[in-house]
């Protein structure tokens, strides 16, 4: 299964979703999703 990730801000919460297999070949894509919300004022992280 191809890896994909998404970021959604819900008020002050950052939601990062992922689907597929996370391996070394696509880790950079997931890292970018995390970096995208790291600079924003999120209140908490929510588990998937």
N, C-alpha and C. Protein backbone atom coordinates (compact mmCIF):
# COMPACT_ATOMS: atom_id res chain seq x y z
N UNK A 1 0.84 -1.17 0.00
CA UNK A 1 0.00 0.00 0.00
C UNK A 1 0.89 1.24 0.00
N UNK A 2 0.56 2.19 -0.84
CA UNK A 2 1.30 3.44 -0.94
C UNK A 2 1.08 4.28 0.32
N UNK A 3 2.14 4.91 0.79
CA UNK A 3 2.05 5.75 1.98
C UNK A 3 1.50 7.11 1.62
N UNK A 4 0.64 7.63 2.49
CA UNK A 4 0.16 9.00 2.35
C UNK A 4 -0.06 9.58 3.75
N UNK A 5 0.04 10.89 3.85
CA UNK A 5 -0.21 11.55 5.13
C UNK A 5 -0.92 12.85 4.87
N UNK A 6 -1.62 13.33 5.90
CA UNK A 6 -2.34 14.58 5.79
C UNK A 6 -2.30 15.32 7.12
N UNK A 7 -2.47 16.61 7.05
CA UNK A 7 -2.46 17.46 8.23
C UNK A 7 -3.74 18.28 8.23
N UNK A 8 -4.38 18.34 9.40
CA UNK A 8 -5.57 19.16 9.55
C UNK A 8 -5.51 19.87 10.90
N UNK A 9 -5.75 21.16 10.88
CA UNK A 9 -5.82 21.93 12.11
C UNK A 9 -7.30 22.04 12.49
N UNK A 10 -7.61 21.59 13.71
CA UNK A 10 -8.97 21.67 14.24
C UNK A 10 -8.90 22.58 15.46
N UNK A 11 -9.16 23.85 15.22
CA UNK A 11 -8.99 24.83 16.29
C UNK A 11 -7.52 24.91 16.64
N UNK A 12 -7.19 24.60 17.88
CA UNK A 12 -5.80 24.62 18.33
C UNK A 12 -5.19 23.22 18.38
N UNK A 13 -5.86 22.24 17.80
CA UNK A 13 -5.35 20.87 17.76
C UNK A 13 -4.82 20.56 16.37
N UNK A 14 -3.70 19.87 16.32
CA UNK A 14 -3.12 19.43 15.05
C UNK A 14 -3.38 17.95 14.89
N UNK A 15 -4.02 17.57 13.79
CA UNK A 15 -4.30 16.17 13.50
C UNK A 15 -3.46 15.75 12.30
N UNK A 16 -2.61 14.77 12.50
CA UNK A 16 -1.81 14.21 11.41
C UNK A 16 -2.30 12.79 11.18
N UNK A 17 -2.75 12.52 9.98
CA UNK A 17 -3.23 11.19 9.63
C UNK A 17 -2.25 10.55 8.66
N UNK A 18 -2.19 9.24 8.71
CA UNK A 18 -1.34 8.52 7.77
C UNK A 18 -2.03 7.24 7.36
N UNK A 19 -1.68 6.77 6.19
CA UNK A 19 -2.20 5.51 5.67
C UNK A 19 -1.08 4.83 4.91
N UNK A 20 -1.03 3.53 4.99
CA UNK A 20 -0.01 2.77 4.28
C UNK A 20 1.18 2.45 5.15
N UNK A 21 2.19 1.91 4.53
CA UNK A 21 3.39 1.46 5.24
C UNK A 21 4.43 2.58 5.31
N UNK A 22 4.82 2.91 6.53
CA UNK A 22 5.85 3.92 6.74
C UNK A 22 7.20 3.22 6.83
N UNK A 23 8.07 3.48 5.86
CA UNK A 23 9.41 2.91 5.86
C UNK A 23 10.41 4.01 5.53
N UNK A 24 11.66 3.64 5.46
CA UNK A 24 12.73 4.62 5.24
C UNK A 24 12.55 5.40 3.93
N UNK A 25 11.97 4.77 2.94
CA UNK A 25 11.82 5.43 1.64
C UNK A 25 10.84 6.60 1.67
N UNK A 26 9.88 6.58 2.59
CA UNK A 26 8.87 7.64 2.65
C UNK A 26 8.89 8.39 3.98
N UNK A 27 9.86 8.12 4.82
CA UNK A 27 9.93 8.78 6.13
C UNK A 27 10.04 10.29 5.99
N UNK A 28 10.70 10.78 4.97
CA UNK A 28 10.83 12.21 4.75
C UNK A 28 9.49 12.89 4.54
N UNK A 29 8.59 12.22 3.85
CA UNK A 29 7.24 12.76 3.62
C UNK A 29 6.49 12.92 4.94
N UNK A 30 6.60 11.92 5.81
CA UNK A 30 5.93 12.00 7.11
C UNK A 30 6.58 13.08 7.97
N UNK A 31 7.89 13.18 7.89
CA UNK A 31 8.62 14.21 8.64
C UNK A 31 8.15 15.61 8.22
N UNK A 32 7.91 15.81 6.95
CA UNK A 32 7.43 17.10 6.45
C UNK A 32 6.06 17.43 7.03
N UNK A 33 5.19 16.44 7.18
CA UNK A 33 3.87 16.67 7.77
C UNK A 33 4.01 17.12 9.22
N UNK A 34 4.94 16.52 9.94
CA UNK A 34 5.17 16.90 11.33
C UNK A 34 5.75 18.30 11.40
N UNK A 35 6.72 18.61 10.55
CA UNK A 35 7.31 19.94 10.53
C UNK A 35 6.28 21.02 10.18
N UNK A 36 5.31 20.67 9.36
CA UNK A 36 4.28 21.62 8.94
C UNK A 36 3.50 22.14 10.15
N UNK A 37 3.21 21.28 11.11
CA UNK A 37 2.44 21.72 12.28
C UNK A 37 3.32 22.10 13.46
N UNK A 38 4.59 21.79 13.43
CA UNK A 38 5.47 22.06 14.56
C UNK A 38 5.57 23.56 14.86
N UNK A 39 5.50 24.39 13.86
CA UNK A 39 5.61 25.81 14.06
C UNK A 39 4.30 26.50 14.37
N UNK A 40 3.20 25.75 14.33
CA UNK A 40 1.89 26.33 14.59
C UNK A 40 1.55 26.17 16.06
N UNK A 41 0.58 26.91 16.53
CA UNK A 41 0.21 26.90 17.93
C UNK A 41 -0.84 25.82 18.20
N UNK A 42 -0.43 24.57 18.13
CA UNK A 42 -1.36 23.50 18.45
C UNK A 42 -1.42 23.31 19.96
N UNK A 43 -2.58 22.93 20.47
CA UNK A 43 -2.78 22.76 21.90
C UNK A 43 -2.35 21.38 22.36
N UNK A 44 -2.64 20.36 21.56
CA UNK A 44 -2.28 19.00 21.94
C UNK A 44 -2.22 18.14 20.70
N UNK A 45 -1.62 16.98 20.83
CA UNK A 45 -1.58 16.00 19.75
C UNK A 45 -2.64 14.96 20.02
N UNK A 46 -3.35 14.54 18.99
CA UNK A 46 -4.42 13.56 19.14
C UNK A 46 -4.02 12.26 18.48
N UNK A 47 -4.12 11.14 19.19
CA UNK A 47 -3.77 9.86 18.58
C UNK A 47 -4.76 9.46 17.51
N UNK A 48 -4.29 8.74 16.53
CA UNK A 48 -5.16 8.28 15.44
C UNK A 48 -6.01 7.13 15.87
